Amino acid sequence: MAKMTMKAHNLNTKEPELLSQKEAAALLRKQPRWLERRRTEGGGPPFRYIGRTPVYEKSELIAWINSLPQYDNTAQAGLL
């Protein structure tokens, strides 16, 4: 009879801190509707669905923010 083994759970695995759309929007200083548009049009932070509910991992949101270009003035950003 074959011996069944279970994989040991890595106790060092950190549970992800999942944020709701409202919480993620607050972190980004945006309205929740902005995140809805980014999910359909693209260009927003990474997300996942749990069932039909979109969730955002806090560490991924911070990494996404850090990946955005930084500017010294509005002319560089093309906002003039």
N, C-alpha and C. Protein backbone atom coordinates (compact mmCIF):
# COMPACT_ATOMS: atom_id res chain seq x y z
N MET A 1 0.85 -1.17 0.00
CA MET A 1 0.00 0.00 0.00
C MET A 1 0.89 1.24 0.00
N ALA A 2 0.57 2.18 -0.87
CA ALA A 2 1.38 3.39 -0.99
C ALA A 2 1.16 4.31 0.20
N LYS A 3 2.25 4.88 0.66
CA LYS A 3 2.17 5.80 1.78
C LYS A 3 1.79 7.19 1.26
N MET A 4 0.78 7.79 1.84
CA MET A 4 0.35 9.13 1.43
C MET A 4 1.07 10.16 2.29
N THR A 5 1.65 11.15 1.66
CA THR A 5 2.32 12.20 2.40
C THR A 5 1.66 13.53 2.09
N MET A 6 1.70 14.40 3.05
CA MET A 6 1.16 15.75 2.87
C MET A 6 2.33 16.71 2.82
N LYS A 7 2.23 17.70 1.96
CA LYS A 7 3.26 18.72 1.90
C LYS A 7 3.22 19.53 3.19
N ALA A 8 4.38 19.79 3.72
CA ALA A 8 4.45 20.61 4.93
C ALA A 8 4.14 22.06 4.56
N HIS A 9 3.30 22.67 5.34
CA HIS A 9 2.97 24.08 5.11
C HIS A 9 4.14 24.93 5.56
N ASN A 10 4.58 25.81 4.70
CA ASN A 10 5.69 26.69 5.03
C ASN A 10 5.21 27.74 6.02
N LEU A 11 5.69 27.68 7.23
CA LEU A 11 5.25 28.60 8.27
C LEU A 11 5.78 30.00 8.05
N ASN A 12 6.76 30.15 7.16
CA ASN A 12 7.30 31.46 6.86
C ASN A 12 6.48 32.19 5.79
N THR A 13 5.49 31.52 5.22
CA THR A 13 4.67 32.14 4.20
C THR A 13 3.78 33.19 4.84
N LYS A 14 3.91 34.40 4.37
CA LYS A 14 3.13 35.50 4.93
C LYS A 14 1.79 35.57 4.21
N GLU A 15 0.74 35.67 4.98
CA GLU A 15 -0.59 35.80 4.40
C GLU A 15 -0.71 37.14 3.71
N PRO A 16 -1.24 37.18 2.48
CA PRO A 16 -1.36 38.47 1.81
C PRO A 16 -2.41 39.35 2.49
N GLU A 17 -2.13 40.65 2.51
CA GLU A 17 -3.09 41.60 3.05
C GLU A 17 -3.97 42.07 1.89
N LEU A 18 -5.17 41.53 1.83
CA LEU A 18 -6.07 41.84 0.73
C LEU A 18 -6.94 43.04 1.09
N LEU A 19 -7.08 43.95 0.12
CA LEU A 19 -7.89 45.15 0.31
C LEU A 19 -9.09 45.11 -0.62
N SER A 20 -10.19 45.64 -0.13
CA SER A 20 -11.37 45.80 -0.97
C SER A 20 -11.13 46.93 -1.97
N GLN A 21 -12.02 47.09 -2.91
CA GLN A 21 -11.91 48.19 -3.87
C GLN A 21 -11.90 49.53 -3.15
N LYS A 22 -12.76 49.68 -2.16
CA LYS A 22 -12.85 50.93 -1.42
C LYS A 22 -11.55 51.20 -0.66
N GLU A 23 -11.00 50.17 -0.02
CA GLU A 23 -9.75 50.34 0.74
C GLU A 23 -8.58 50.65 -0.20
N ALA A 24 -8.53 49.95 -1.34
CA ALA A 24 -7.45 50.20 -2.31
C ALA A 24 -7.55 51.62 -2.87
N ALA A 25 -8.77 52.06 -3.16
CA ALA A 25 -8.96 53.41 -3.68
C ALA A 25 -8.50 54.44 -2.65
N ALA A 26 -8.78 54.21 -1.39
CA ALA A 26 -8.35 55.14 -0.34
C ALA A 26 -6.82 55.20 -0.27
N LEU A 27 -6.16 54.05 -0.39
CA LEU A 27 -4.70 54.02 -0.38
C LEU A 27 -4.12 54.81 -1.55
N LEU A 28 -4.79 54.73 -2.71
CA LEU A 28 -4.32 55.43 -3.91
C LEU A 28 -4.80 56.87 -4.00
N ARG A 29 -5.64 57.28 -3.05
CA ARG A 29 -6.23 58.63 -3.06
C ARG A 29 -7.07 58.85 -4.32
N LYS A 30 -7.81 57.79 -4.71
CA LYS A 30 -8.68 57.83 -5.87
C LYS A 30 -10.08 57.40 -5.45
N GLN A 31 -11.05 57.65 -6.32
CA GLN A 31 -12.40 57.16 -6.09
C GLN A 31 -12.48 55.69 -6.50
N PRO A 32 -13.31 54.89 -5.83
CA PRO A 32 -13.46 53.48 -6.22
C PRO A 32 -13.83 53.31 -7.70
N ARG A 33 -14.58 54.23 -8.23
CA ARG A 33 -14.97 54.16 -9.65
C ARG A 33 -13.74 54.19 -10.56
N TRP A 34 -12.68 54.88 -10.17
CA TRP A 34 -11.45 54.92 -10.96
C TRP A 34 -10.88 53.52 -11.12
N LEU A 35 -10.89 52.75 -10.03
CA LEU A 35 -10.40 51.37 -10.09
C LEU A 35 -11.29 50.51 -10.98
N GLU A 36 -12.60 50.73 -10.94
CA GLU A 36 -13.51 49.99 -11.82
C GLU A 36 -13.15 50.23 -13.28
N ARG A 37 -12.91 51.50 -13.63
CA ARG A 37 -12.54 51.83 -15.01
C ARG A 37 -11.20 51.20 -15.39
N ARG A 38 -10.23 51.24 -14.48
CA ARG A 38 -8.92 50.66 -14.78
C ARG A 38 -9.02 49.15 -14.98
N ARG A 39 -9.92 48.49 -14.26
CA ARG A 39 -10.07 47.04 -14.45
C ARG A 39 -10.61 46.73 -15.84
N THR A 40 -11.48 47.56 -16.37
CA THR A 40 -12.05 47.27 -17.68
C THR A 40 -11.21 47.84 -18.82
N GLU A 41 -10.59 49.00 -18.60
CA GLU A 41 -9.84 49.67 -19.67
C GLU A 41 -8.34 49.37 -19.62
N GLY A 42 -7.85 48.91 -18.48
CA GLY A 42 -6.43 48.64 -18.32
C GLY A 42 -5.70 49.85 -17.76
N GLY A 43 -4.44 49.65 -17.44
CA GLY A 43 -3.61 50.73 -16.94
C GLY A 43 -3.63 50.92 -15.44
N GLY A 44 -4.30 50.05 -14.73
CA GLY A 44 -4.39 50.18 -13.28
C GLY A 44 -3.54 49.15 -12.57
N PRO A 45 -3.68 49.12 -11.26
CA PRO A 45 -2.90 48.17 -10.47
C PRO A 45 -3.40 46.74 -10.64
N PRO A 46 -2.54 45.76 -10.34
CA PRO A 46 -2.96 44.36 -10.44
C PRO A 46 -4.05 44.04 -9.41
N PHE A 47 -4.91 43.12 -9.79
CA PHE A 47 -6.01 42.72 -8.90
C PHE A 47 -6.33 41.26 -9.14
N ARG A 48 -7.14 40.72 -8.27
CA ARG A 48 -7.65 39.35 -8.39
C ARG A 48 -9.13 39.37 -8.09
N TYR A 49 -9.79 38.32 -8.50
CA TYR A 49 -11.18 38.13 -8.11
C TYR A 49 -11.25 36.98 -7.12
N ILE A 50 -12.00 37.18 -6.07
CA ILE A 50 -12.40 36.09 -5.19
C ILE A 50 -13.90 35.98 -5.40
N GLY A 51 -14.27 34.96 -6.14
CA GLY A 51 -15.65 34.89 -6.60
C GLY A 51 -15.86 36.00 -7.60
N ARG A 52 -16.80 36.88 -7.32
CA ARG A 52 -17.07 38.02 -8.20
C ARG A 52 -16.57 39.33 -7.60
N THR A 53 -15.82 39.23 -6.51
CA THR A 53 -15.36 40.42 -5.81
C THR A 53 -13.90 40.70 -6.13
N PRO A 54 -13.60 41.89 -6.67
CA PRO A 54 -12.20 42.23 -6.93
C PRO A 54 -11.49 42.56 -5.62
N VAL A 55 -10.28 42.08 -5.49
CA VAL A 55 -9.45 42.39 -4.31
C VAL A 55 -8.06 42.78 -4.79
N TYR A 56 -7.40 43.57 -3.97
CA TYR A 56 -6.07 44.08 -4.28
C TYR A 56 -5.14 43.71 -3.14
N GLU A 57 -3.98 43.16 -3.49
CA GLU A 57 -3.00 42.85 -2.47
C GLU A 57 -2.20 44.12 -2.17
N LYS A 58 -2.15 44.48 -0.91
CA LYS A 58 -1.52 45.75 -0.52
C LYS A 58 -0.08 45.86 -1.02
N SER A 59 0.69 44.80 -0.88
CA SER A 59 2.10 44.86 -1.32
C SER A 59 2.19 45.07 -2.83
N GLU A 60 1.26 44.51 -3.60
CA GLU A 60 1.26 44.71 -5.05
C GLU A 60 0.85 46.13 -5.41
N LEU A 61 -0.07 46.72 -4.65
CA LEU A 61 -0.45 48.12 -4.88
C LEU A 61 0.75 49.03 -4.65
N ILE A 62 1.48 48.79 -3.58
CA ILE A 62 2.64 49.62 -3.27
C ILE A 62 3.71 49.44 -4.34
N ALA A 63 3.93 48.21 -4.80
CA ALA A 63 4.90 47.96 -5.86
C ALA A 63 4.47 48.67 -7.15
N TRP A 64 3.16 48.66 -7.45
CA TRP A 64 2.64 49.33 -8.65
C TRP A 64 2.88 50.84 -8.54
N ILE A 65 2.61 51.41 -7.38
CA ILE A 65 2.86 52.85 -7.17
C ILE A 65 4.34 53.15 -7.41
N ASN A 66 5.21 52.32 -6.84
CA ASN A 66 6.65 52.54 -6.97
C ASN A 66 7.15 52.36 -8.40
N SER A 67 6.39 51.64 -9.23
CA SER A 67 6.80 51.43 -10.62
C SER A 67 6.43 52.61 -11.53
N LEU A 68 5.58 53.52 -11.03
CA LEU A 68 5.17 54.66 -11.83
C LEU A 68 6.32 55.67 -11.94
N PRO A 69 6.42 56.36 -13.08
CA PRO A 69 7.51 57.34 -13.22
C PRO A 69 7.35 58.50 -12.25
N GLN A 70 8.47 59.07 -11.87
CA GLN A 70 8.49 60.25 -10.99
C GLN A 70 8.91 61.45 -11.82
N TYR A 71 8.36 62.60 -11.49
CA TYR A 71 8.63 63.83 -12.23
C TYR A 71 9.07 64.93 -11.28
N ASP A 72 9.86 65.86 -11.81
CA ASP A 72 10.29 67.02 -11.05
C ASP A 72 9.33 68.20 -11.22
N ASN A 73 8.59 68.18 -12.33
CA ASN A 73 7.64 69.27 -12.58
C ASN A 73 6.55 68.81 -13.54
N THR A 74 5.49 69.58 -13.67
CA THR A 74 4.36 69.19 -14.50
C THR A 74 4.71 69.17 -15.99
N ALA A 75 5.69 69.95 -16.41
CA ALA A 75 6.10 69.94 -17.82
C ALA A 75 6.66 68.57 -18.20
N GLN A 76 7.42 67.96 -17.30
CA GLN A 76 7.97 66.64 -17.55
C GLN A 76 6.87 65.60 -17.68
N ALA A 77 5.82 65.78 -16.90
CA ALA A 77 4.72 64.82 -16.90
C ALA A 77 3.79 65.03 -18.08
N GLY A 78 3.99 66.12 -18.82
CA GLY A 78 3.10 66.40 -19.95
C GLY A 78 1.74 66.88 -19.52
N LEU A 79 1.67 67.51 -18.37
CA LEU A 79 0.38 67.96 -17.84
C LEU A 79 0.08 69.41 -18.18
N LEU A 80 0.95 70.07 -18.89
CA LEU A 80 0.71 71.49 -19.26
C LEU A 80 -0.11 71.59 -20.51
